[in-house]
Amino acid sequence: MLLIPAIDLKDGHCVRLKQGDMDLATVFSEDPAEMALHWLKKGARRLHLVDLNGAFAGKPKNEDAIKSILQVVQDYADDNGLDEIPVQLGGGIRDLDTIERYLDDGISYIIVGTAAVKNPGFLHDACGAFPGSIIVGLDAKDGKVATDGWSKMSGHEVIDLAKKFEGYGVESIVYTDIGRDGMMAGVNIEATVRLAQAVRIPIIASGGLHDVRDVEALCAVQDEGIEGVICGRSIYEGTLDLASAQERADQLTEGAQA
């Protein structure tokens, strides 16, 4: 079970939102690269970046901050004899040229969200052009998928879209319960498991993570196909200690495999 720290970028700063509202942004760091290094030192094995301005604008807006994070990640990996620390990125990615540029810069996985729902052909093309590098982000409330930085609700059922996109060849799915995101109300385990059971590709849980009990609850169902969880406000406000929580997840995983 991977615990994946989120670094949400707004105007070059590291922030957290409540339920996707740009007006409810808390700035946690003026230096996202320094924040990335902090989480790497805490034992993060993957990072989750979101270009929030890009998500609303429909095109990249925080590329300088992203490049500085990638440089820090590469340096840290080199200094510690690690082959790679994967970095996944979402927010405003709407064309193949942008995907190619980010992958060339060192991003490991591109997360396609709104564009996947509104333009499935684009997602299909991206999976064909960049196999193994495309994650789809499905943000939902009450089982229905939201788009455009969560500002619009579609009529699509999460599971229906997940099955469709699985057929396209996406690597995994980041599933966010937007009613819980940033609220630290606990992960929606039931809905996450339901989605994981419906597809064969891994699910990354997102939204509502509060403390180590949520991590333990996810570990208990990870065999259903849950690969990791995005850690946001909980690790920034201190209700979850990333290092000890990852250690706990490893213990539970090893115990289940023994």
C-alpha atoms as a PDB file:
ATOM      1  CA  MET A   1       0.000   0.000   0.000  1.00  0.00           C
ATOM      2  CA  LEU A   2       1.667   3.159  -1.246  1.00  0.00           C
ATOM      3  CA  LEU A   3       1.101   6.358   0.702  1.00  0.00           C
ATOM      4  CA  ILE A   4       1.467   9.071  -1.928  1.00  0.00           C
ATOM      5  CA  PRO A   5       1.915  12.673  -0.734  1.00  0.00           C
ATOM      6  CA  ALA A   6       0.007  15.238  -2.771  1.00  0.00           C
ATOM      7  CA  ILE A   7       1.613  18.504  -3.792  1.00  0.00           C
ATOM      8  CA  ASP A   8      -1.134  20.734  -5.144  1.00  0.00           C
ATOM      9  CA  LEU A   9       0.207  23.717  -7.059  1.00  0.00           C
ATOM     10  CA  LYS A  10      -1.528  27.091  -7.187  1.00  0.00           C
ATOM     11  CA  ASP A  11       0.302  30.192  -8.396  1.00  0.00           C
ATOM     12  CA  GLY A  12       3.621  28.413  -7.832  1.00  0.00           C
ATOM     13  CA  HIS A  13       2.835  27.576  -4.207  1.00  0.00           C
ATOM     14  CA  CYS A  14       1.986  24.301  -2.462  1.00  0.00           C
ATOM     15  CA  VAL A  15      -1.626  24.487  -1.238  1.00  0.00           C
ATOM     16  CA  ARG A  16      -4.558  22.334  -0.168  1.00  0.00           C
ATOM     17  CA  LEU A  17      -8.172  22.986  -1.109  1.00  0.00           C
ATOM     18  CA  LYS A  18     -11.416  21.984   0.562  1.00  0.00           C
ATOM     19  CA  GLN A  19     -13.740  20.120  -1.832  1.00  0.00           C
ATOM     20  CA  GLY A  20     -11.886  21.557  -4.824  1.00  0.00           C
ATOM     21  CA  ASP A  21     -12.751  25.186  -4.049  1.00  0.00           C
ATOM     22  CA  MET A  22      -9.941  27.501  -5.227  1.00  0.00           C
ATOM     23  CA  ASP A  23     -11.209  30.163  -2.822  1.00  0.00           C
ATOM     24  CA  LEU A  24     -10.623  27.794   0.106  1.00  0.00           C
ATOM     25  CA  ALA A  25      -6.906  27.295  -0.500  1.00  0.00           C
ATOM     26  CA  THR A  26      -4.487  26.977   2.407  1.00  0.00           C
ATOM     27  CA  VAL A  27      -0.880  27.730   1.467  1.00  0.00           C
ATOM     28  CA  PHE A  28       1.428  25.190   3.103  1.00  0.00           C
ATOM     29  CA  SER A  29       4.648  26.148   1.353  1.00  0.00           C
ATOM     30  CA  GLU A  30       6.004  28.879  -0.887  1.00  0.00           C
ATOM     31  CA  ASP A  31       8.570  26.365  -2.188  1.00  0.00           C
ATOM     32  CA  PRO A  32       6.985  23.198  -3.641  1.00  0.00           C
ATOM     33  CA  ALA A  33      10.393  21.660  -4.425  1.00  0.00           C
ATOM     34  CA  GLU A  34      11.410  21.955  -0.782  1.00  0.00           C
ATOM     35  CA  MET A  35       8.105  20.356   0.191  1.00  0.00           C
ATOM     36  CA  ALA A  36       8.767  17.493  -2.228  1.00  0.00           C
ATOM     37  CA  LEU A  37      12.166  16.926  -0.612  1.00  0.00           C
ATOM     38  CA  HIS A  38      10.528  16.936   2.821  1.00  0.00           C
ATOM     39  CA  TRP A  39       8.180  14.089   1.832  1.00  0.00           C
ATOM     40  CA  LEU A  40      10.971  12.129   0.175  1.00  0.00           C
ATOM     41  CA  LYS A  41      12.964  12.316   3.396  1.00  0.00           C
ATOM     42  CA  LYS A  42       9.859  11.043   5.206  1.00  0.00           C
ATOM     43  CA  GLY A  43       9.953   7.929   3.039  1.00  0.00           C
ATOM     44  CA  ALA A  44       7.603   8.767   0.155  1.00  0.00           C
ATOM     45  CA  ARG A  45       8.004   6.277  -2.700  1.00  0.00           C
ATOM     46  CA  ARG A  46       5.880   8.237  -5.169  1.00  0.00           C
ATOM     47  CA  LEU A  47       4.633  11.829  -5.420  1.00  0.00           C
ATOM     48  CA  HIS A  48       1.289  13.119  -6.682  1.00  0.00           C
ATOM     49  CA  LEU A  49       1.347  16.568  -8.302  1.00  0.00           C
ATOM     50  CA  VAL A  50      -1.689  18.586  -9.339  1.00  0.00           C
ATOM     51  CA  ASP A  51      -1.549  21.777 -11.373  1.00  0.00           C
ATOM     52  CA  LEU A  52      -4.667  23.396  -9.903  1.00  0.00           C
ATOM     53  CA  ASN A  53      -4.458  26.497 -12.095  1.00  0.00           C
ATOM     54  CA  GLY A  54      -4.051  24.181 -15.054  1.00  0.00           C
ATOM     55  CA  ALA A  55      -7.107  22.147 -14.076  1.00  0.00           C
ATOM     56  CA  PHE A  56      -9.268  25.264 -14.256  1.00  0.00           C
ATOM     57  CA  ALA A  57      -7.529  26.847 -17.257  1.00  0.00           C
ATOM     58  CA  GLY A  58      -7.350  23.650 -19.300  1.00  0.00           C
ATOM     59  CA  LYS A  59      -3.653  24.086 -19.980  1.00  0.00           C
ATOM     60  CA  PRO A  60      -0.419  23.856 -17.934  1.00  0.00           C
ATOM     61  CA  LYS A  61       0.186  26.788 -15.594  1.00  0.00           C
ATOM     62  CA  ASN A  62       2.799  25.634 -13.049  1.00  0.00           C
ATOM     63  CA  GLU A  63       5.489  24.093 -15.262  1.00  0.00           C
ATOM     64  CA  ASP A  64       8.380  25.911 -13.576  1.00  0.00           C
ATOM     65  CA  ALA A  65       7.393  24.583 -10.153  1.00  0.00           C
ATOM     66  CA  ILE A  66       6.939  21.084 -11.608  1.00  0.00           C
ATOM     67  CA  LYS A  67      10.391  21.141 -13.200  1.00  0.00           C
ATOM     68  CA  SER A  68      11.972  22.250  -9.926  1.00  0.00           C
ATOM     69  CA  ILE A  69      10.252  19.358  -8.119  1.00  0.00           C
ATOM     70  CA  LEU A  70      11.468  16.867 -10.728  1.00  0.00           C
ATOM     71  CA  GLN A  71      15.031  18.105 -10.296  1.00  0.00           C
ATOM     72  CA  VAL A  72      14.835  17.620  -6.531  1.00  0.00           C
ATOM     73  CA  VAL A  73      13.381  14.123  -6.978  1.00  0.00           C
ATOM     74  CA  GLN A  74      16.129  13.144  -9.419  1.00  0.00           C
ATOM     75  CA  ASP A  75      18.858  14.503  -7.159  1.00  0.00           C
ATOM     76  CA  TYR A  76      17.421  12.696  -4.148  1.00  0.00           C
ATOM     77  CA  ALA A  77      17.208   9.412  -6.051  1.00  0.00           C
ATOM     78  CA  ASP A  78      20.795   9.779  -7.273  1.00  0.00           C
ATOM     79  CA  ASP A  79      22.090  10.658  -3.806  1.00  0.00           C
ATOM     80  CA  ASN A  80      20.367   7.626  -2.283  1.00  0.00           C
ATOM     81  CA  GLY A  81      21.196   5.089  -4.988  1.00  0.00           C
ATOM     82  CA  LEU A  82      17.579   4.729  -6.117  1.00  0.00           C
ATOM     83  CA  ASP A  83      16.677   3.898  -9.701  1.00  0.00           C
ATOM     84  CA  GLU A  84      13.537   6.011  -9.795  1.00  0.00           C
ATOM     85  CA  ILE A  85      10.985   7.702  -7.587  1.00  0.00           C
ATOM     86  CA  PRO A  86       7.836   7.915  -9.710  1.00  0.00           C
ATOM     87  CA  VAL A  87       6.034  11.240  -9.980  1.00  0.00           C
ATOM     88  CA  GLN A  88       2.460  11.404 -11.265  1.00  0.00           C
ATOM     89  CA  LEU A  89       0.910  14.635 -12.511  1.00  0.00           C
ATOM     90  CA  GLY A  90      -2.578  15.842 -13.315  1.00  0.00           C
ATOM     91  CA  GLY A  91      -4.318  19.127 -14.017  1.00  0.00           C
ATOM     92  CA  GLY A  92      -5.146  20.727 -17.352  1.00  0.00           C
ATOM     93  CA  ILE A  93      -3.590  18.095 -19.585  1.00  0.00           C
ATOM     94  CA  ARG A  94      -5.612  18.111 -22.778  1.00  0.00           C
ATOM     95  CA  ASP A  95      -3.302  17.182 -25.666  1.00  0.00           C
ATOM     96  CA  LEU A  96      -0.632  14.660 -26.635  1.00  0.00           C
ATOM     97  CA  ASP A  97       2.094  17.285 -27.031  1.00  0.00           C
ATOM     98  CA  THR A  98       1.720  18.307 -23.382  1.00  0.00           C
ATOM     99  CA  ILE A  99       1.893  14.678 -22.277  1.00  0.00           C
ATOM    100  CA  GLU A 100       5.041  14.092 -24.331  1.00  0.00           C
ATOM    101  CA  ARG A 101       6.690  17.215 -22.941  1.00  0.00           C
ATOM    102  CA  TYR A 102       5.984  16.251 -19.336  1.00  0.00           C
ATOM    103  CA  LEU A 103       7.182  12.677 -19.848  1.00  0.00           C
ATOM    104  CA  ASP A 104      10.364  14.019 -21.435  1.00  0.00           C
ATOM    105  CA  ASP A 105      10.819  16.279 -18.384  1.00  0.00           C
ATOM    106  CA  GLY A 106      10.764  13.214 -16.133  1.00  0.00           C
ATOM    107  CA  ILE A 107       7.146  12.741 -15.095  1.00  0.00           C
ATOM    108  CA  SER A 108       6.399   8.998 -14.771  1.00  0.00           C
ATOM    109  CA  TYR A 109       2.611   9.015 -15.032  1.00  0.00           C
ATOM    110  CA  ILE A 110       0.178  11.506 -16.522  1.00  0.00           C
ATOM    111  CA  ILE A 111      -3.257  11.719 -14.936  1.00  0.00           C
ATOM    112  CA  VAL A 112      -6.050  12.556 -17.369  1.00  0.00           C
ATOM    113  CA  GLY A 113      -9.280  13.624 -15.701  1.00  0.00           C
ATOM    114  CA  THR A 114     -11.775  16.002 -17.275  1.00  0.00           C
ATOM    115  CA  ALA A 115     -10.426  15.382 -20.787  1.00  0.00           C
ATOM    116  CA  ALA A 116     -11.024  11.635 -20.382  1.00  0.00           C
ATOM    117  CA  VAL A 117     -14.703  12.211 -19.666  1.00  0.00           C
ATOM    118  CA  LYS A 118     -15.305  14.936 -22.239  1.00  0.00           C
ATOM    119  CA  ASN A 119     -13.052  13.569 -24.973  1.00  0.00           C
ATOM    120  CA  PRO A 120     -12.613   9.798 -24.609  1.00  0.00           C
ATOM    121  CA  GLY A 121     -10.907   9.695 -28.003  1.00  0.00           C
ATOM    122  CA  PHE A 122      -8.053  11.757 -26.575  1.00  0.00           C
ATOM    123  CA  LEU A 123      -7.603   9.307 -23.697  1.00  0.00           C
ATOM    124  CA  HIS A 124      -7.658   6.396 -26.132  1.00  0.00           C
ATOM    125  CA  ASP A 125      -4.985   8.080 -28.272  1.00  0.00           C
ATOM    126  CA  ALA A 126      -2.870   8.882 -25.202  1.00  0.00           C
ATOM    127  CA  CYS A 127      -2.945   5.259 -24.022  1.00  0.00           C
ATOM    128  CA  GLY A 128      -1.885   4.145 -27.482  1.00  0.00           C
ATOM    129  CA  ALA A 129       0.903   6.712 -27.792  1.00  0.00           C
ATOM    130  CA  PHE A 130       2.244   6.393 -24.243  1.00  0.00           C
ATOM    131  CA  PRO A 131       1.452   2.855 -23.001  1.00  0.00           C
ATOM    132  CA  GLY A 132       1.994   2.321 -19.295  1.00  0.00           C
ATOM    133  CA  SER A 133       2.162   6.057 -18.590  1.00  0.00           C
ATOM    134  CA  ILE A 134      -1.489   7.102 -18.462  1.00  0.00           C
ATOM    135  CA  ILE A 135      -3.585   7.117 -15.293  1.00  0.00           C
ATOM    136  CA  VAL A 136      -7.208   8.200 -15.418  1.00  0.00           C
ATOM    137  CA  GLY A 137      -8.566  10.394 -12.640  1.00  0.00           C
ATOM    138  CA  LEU A 138     -12.206   9.818 -11.791  1.00  0.00           C
ATOM    139  CA  ASP A 139     -13.644  12.345  -9.373  1.00  0.00           C
ATOM    140  CA  ALA A 140     -17.088  11.442  -8.165  1.00  0.00           C
ATOM    141  CA  LYS A 141     -19.880  12.333  -5.803  1.00  0.00           C
ATOM    142  CA  ASP A 142     -22.666   9.852  -5.070  1.00  0.00           C
ATOM    143  CA  GLY A 143     -21.325   7.587  -7.820  1.00  0.00           C
ATOM    144  CA  LYS A 144     -21.479  10.260 -10.556  1.00  0.00           C
ATOM    145  CA  VAL A 145     -18.367  11.679 -12.208  1.00  0.00           C
ATOM    146  CA  ALA A 146     -17.531  15.389 -11.921  1.00  0.00           C
ATOM    147  CA  THR A 147     -15.432  17.422 -14.361  1.00  0.00           C
ATOM    148  CA  ASP A 148     -13.827  20.852 -14.767  1.00  0.00           C
ATOM    149  CA  GLY A 149     -12.142  21.058 -11.383  1.00  0.00           C
ATOM    150  CA  TRP A 150     -15.248  19.458  -9.851  1.00  0.00           C
ATOM    151  CA  SER A 151     -17.360  22.442 -10.885  1.00  0.00           C
ATOM    152  CA  LYS A 152     -19.639  20.389 -13.164  1.00  0.00           C
ATOM    153  CA  MET A 153     -21.405  17.066 -12.639  1.00  0.00           C
ATOM    154  CA  SER A 154     -21.692  14.658 -15.540  1.00  0.00           C
ATOM    155  CA  GLY A 155     -24.352  12.003 -15.832  1.00  0.00           C
ATOM    156  CA  HIS A 156     -21.753   9.241 -16.057  1.00  0.00           C
ATOM    157  CA  GLU A 157     -21.530   6.437 -13.520  1.00  0.00           C
ATOM    158  CA  VAL A 158     -18.003   5.922 -12.161  1.00  0.00           C
ATOM    159  CA  ILE A 159     -17.964   2.166 -12.692  1.00  0.00           C
ATOM    160  CA  ASP A 160     -19.231   2.416 -16.281  1.00  0.00           C
ATOM    161  CA  LEU A 161     -16.470   4.847 -17.216  1.00  0.00           C
ATOM    162  CA  ALA A 162     -13.822   2.870 -15.341  1.00  0.00           C
ATOM    163  CA  LYS A 163     -14.638  -0.276 -17.311  1.00  0.00           C
ATOM    164  CA  LYS A 164     -14.578   1.652 -20.572  1.00  0.00           C
ATOM    165  CA  PHE A 165     -11.216   3.261 -19.820  1.00  0.00           C
ATOM    166  CA  GLU A 166      -9.747  -0.025 -18.647  1.00  0.00           C
ATOM    167  CA  GLY A 167     -10.368  -1.272 -22.161  1.00  0.00           C
ATOM    168  CA  TYR A 168      -8.362   1.651 -23.521  1.00  0.00           C
ATOM    169  CA  GLY A 169      -5.295   0.471 -21.605  1.00  0.00           C
ATOM    170  CA  VAL A 170      -4.991   2.959 -18.730  1.00  0.00           C
ATOM    171  CA  GLU A 171      -2.381   1.988 -16.141  1.00  0.00           C
ATOM    172  CA  SER A 172      -4.543   2.646 -13.083  1.00  0.00           C
ATOM    173  CA  ILE A 173      -7.327   4.854 -11.736  1.00  0.00           C
ATOM    174  CA  VAL A 174      -7.129   7.588  -9.122  1.00  0.00           C
ATOM    175  CA  TYR A 175     -10.582   7.599  -7.538  1.00  0.00           C
ATOM    176  CA  THR A 176     -11.511  10.681  -5.534  1.00  0.00           C
ATOM    177  CA  ASP A 177     -14.631  11.090  -3.449  1.00  0.00           C
ATOM    178  CA  ILE A 178     -15.010  14.843  -3.861  1.00  0.00           C
ATOM    179  CA  GLY A 179     -17.514  15.112  -1.045  1.00  0.00           C
ATOM    180  CA  ARG A 180     -14.720  14.111   1.331  1.00  0.00           C
ATOM    181  CA  ASP A 181     -11.648  15.665  -0.276  1.00  0.00           C
ATOM    182  CA  GLY A 182      -9.839  18.066   2.030  1.00  0.00           C
ATOM    183  CA  MET A 183     -12.391  17.428   4.775  1.00  0.00           C
ATOM    184  CA  MET A 184     -10.470  14.607   6.536  1.00  0.00           C
ATOM    185  CA  ALA A 185     -13.748  12.785   7.074  1.00  0.00           C
ATOM    186  CA  GLY A 186     -12.300   9.355   6.315  1.00  0.00           C
ATOM    187  CA  VAL A 187     -11.783   7.529   3.034  1.00  0.00           C
ATOM    188  CA  ASN A 188     -14.916   6.189   1.337  1.00  0.00           C
ATOM    189  CA  ILE A 189     -13.774   2.576   1.645  1.00  0.00           C
ATOM    190  CA  GLU A 190     -17.023   1.056   0.428  1.00  0.00           C
ATOM    191  CA  ALA A 191     -17.151   3.007  -2.844  1.00  0.00           C
ATOM    192  CA  THR A 192     -13.431   2.480  -3.452  1.00  0.00           C
ATOM    193  CA  VAL A 193     -13.731  -1.282  -2.984  1.00  0.00           C
ATOM    194  CA  ARG A 194     -16.805  -1.391  -5.222  1.00  0.00           C
ATOM    195  CA  LEU A 195     -14.833   0.280  -8.011  1.00  0.00           C
ATOM    196  CA  ALA A 196     -11.756  -1.911  -7.465  1.00  0.00           C
ATOM    197  CA  GLN A 197     -13.886  -5.038  -7.717  1.00  0.00           C
ATOM    198  CA  ALA A 198     -15.381  -3.871 -11.011  1.00  0.00           C
ATOM    199  CA  VAL A 199     -12.048  -3.584 -12.865  1.00  0.00           C
ATOM    200  CA  ARG A 200      -8.760  -5.469 -13.077  1.00  0.00           C
ATOM    201  CA  ILE A 201      -6.428  -2.451 -13.025  1.00  0.00           C
ATOM    202  CA  PRO A 202      -5.187  -0.936  -9.746  1.00  0.00           C
ATOM    203  CA  ILE A 203      -7.134   1.754  -7.899  1.00  0.00           C
ATOM    204  CA  ILE A 204      -5.490   4.607  -5.990  1.00  0.00           C
ATOM    205  CA  ALA A 205      -7.821   5.952  -3.309  1.00  0.00           C
ATOM    206  CA  SER A 206      -8.142   9.685  -2.763  1.00  0.00           C
ATOM    207  CA  GLY A 207     -10.191  12.042  -0.664  1.00  0.00           C
ATOM    208  CA  GLY A 208     -10.813  12.159   3.067  1.00  0.00           C
ATOM    209  CA  LEU A 209      -7.731  10.424   4.465  1.00  0.00           C
ATOM    210  CA  HIS A 210      -7.512  11.446   8.119  1.00  0.00           C
ATOM    211  CA  ASP A 211      -5.307   9.202  10.228  1.00  0.00           C
ATOM    212  CA  VAL A 212      -3.610   5.819  10.441  1.00  0.00           C
ATOM    213  CA  ARG A 213      -6.945   4.070  10.960  1.00  0.00           C
ATOM    214  CA  ASP A 214      -7.866   4.955   7.375  1.00  0.00           C
ATOM    215  CA  VAL A 215      -4.569   3.461   6.214  1.00  0.00           C
ATOM    216  CA  GLU A 216      -5.266   0.280   8.178  1.00  0.00           C
ATOM    217  CA  ALA A 217      -8.777   0.068   6.712  1.00  0.00           C
ATOM    218  CA  LEU A 218      -7.377   0.367   3.179  1.00  0.00           C
ATOM    219  CA  CYS A 219      -4.709  -2.242   3.860  1.00  0.00           C
ATOM    220  CA  ALA A 220      -7.465  -4.623   4.951  1.00  0.00           C
ATOM    221  CA  VAL A 221      -9.067  -4.416   1.489  1.00  0.00           C
ATOM    222  CA  GLN A 222      -6.005  -3.864  -0.684  1.00  0.00           C
ATOM    223  CA  ASP A 223      -6.294  -7.374  -2.125  1.00  0.00           C
ATOM    224  CA  GLU A 224      -9.398  -6.134  -3.928  1.00  0.00           C
ATOM    225  CA  GLY A 225      -7.016  -4.140  -6.120  1.00  0.00           C
ATOM    226  CA  ILE A 226      -6.227  -0.973  -4.168  1.00  0.00           C
ATOM    227  CA  GLU A 227      -2.630   0.030  -4.816  1.00  0.00           C
ATOM    228  CA  GLY A 228      -2.246   3.211  -2.799  1.00  0.00           C
ATOM    229  CA  VAL A 229      -3.797   6.306  -1.311  1.00  0.00           C
ATOM    230  CA  ILE A 230      -3.222  10.007  -1.898  1.00  0.00           C
ATOM    231  CA  CYS A 231      -2.228  11.833   1.287  1.00  0.00           C
ATOM    232  CA  GLY A 232      -3.191  15.486   1.394  1.00  0.00           C
ATOM    233  CA  ARG A 233      -4.397  17.657   4.241  1.00  0.00           C
ATOM    234  CA  SER A 234      -3.814  14.887   6.804  1.00  0.00           C
ATOM    235  CA  ILE A 235      -0.025  14.941   6.391  1.00  0.00           C
ATOM    236  CA  TYR A 236       0.109  18.735   6.140  1.00  0.00           C
ATOM    237  CA  GLU A 237      -1.922  19.298   9.286  1.00  0.00           C
ATOM    238  CA  GLY A 238      -0.311  16.422  11.176  1.00  0.00           C
ATOM    239  CA  THR A 239      -3.183  14.024  11.799  1.00  0.00           C
ATOM    240  CA  LEU A 240      -1.169  11.428   9.868  1.00  0.00           C
ATOM    241  CA  ASP A 241       2.586  10.949  10.118  1.00  0.00           C
ATOM    242  CA  LEU A 242       3.719   9.803   6.685  1.00  0.00           C
ATOM    243  CA  ALA A 243       6.780   7.844   7.816  1.00  0.00           C
ATOM    244  CA  SER A 244       5.092   5.868  10.592  1.00  0.00           C
ATOM    245  CA  ALA A 245       1.931   5.323   8.528  1.00  0.00           C
ATOM    246  CA  GLN A 246       3.919   3.885   5.611  1.00  0.00           C
ATOM    247  CA  GLU A 247       5.776   1.671   8.065  1.00  0.00           C
ATOM    248  CA  ARG A 248       2.455   0.480   9.479  1.00  0.00           C
ATOM    249  CA  ALA A 249       1.136  -0.217   5.972  1.00  0.00           C
ATOM    250  CA  ASP A 250       4.267  -2.229   5.199  1.00  0.00           C
ATOM    251  CA  GLN A 251       3.789  -4.283   8.369  1.00  0.00           C
ATOM    252  CA  LEU A 252       0.203  -5.065   7.468  1.00  0.00           C
ATOM    253  CA  THR A 253       1.125  -5.927   3.897  1.00  0.00           C
ATOM    254  CA  GLU A 254       3.938  -8.220   4.985  1.00  0.00           C
ATOM    255  CA  GLY A 255       1.664  -9.820   7.532  1.00  0.00           C
ATOM    256  CA  ALA A 256      -0.971 -10.505   4.882  1.00  0.00           C
ATOM    257  CA  GLN A 257       1.633 -12.032   2.551  1.00  0.00           C
ATOM    258  CA  ALA A 258       3.261 -14.214   5.218  1.00  0.00           C
END
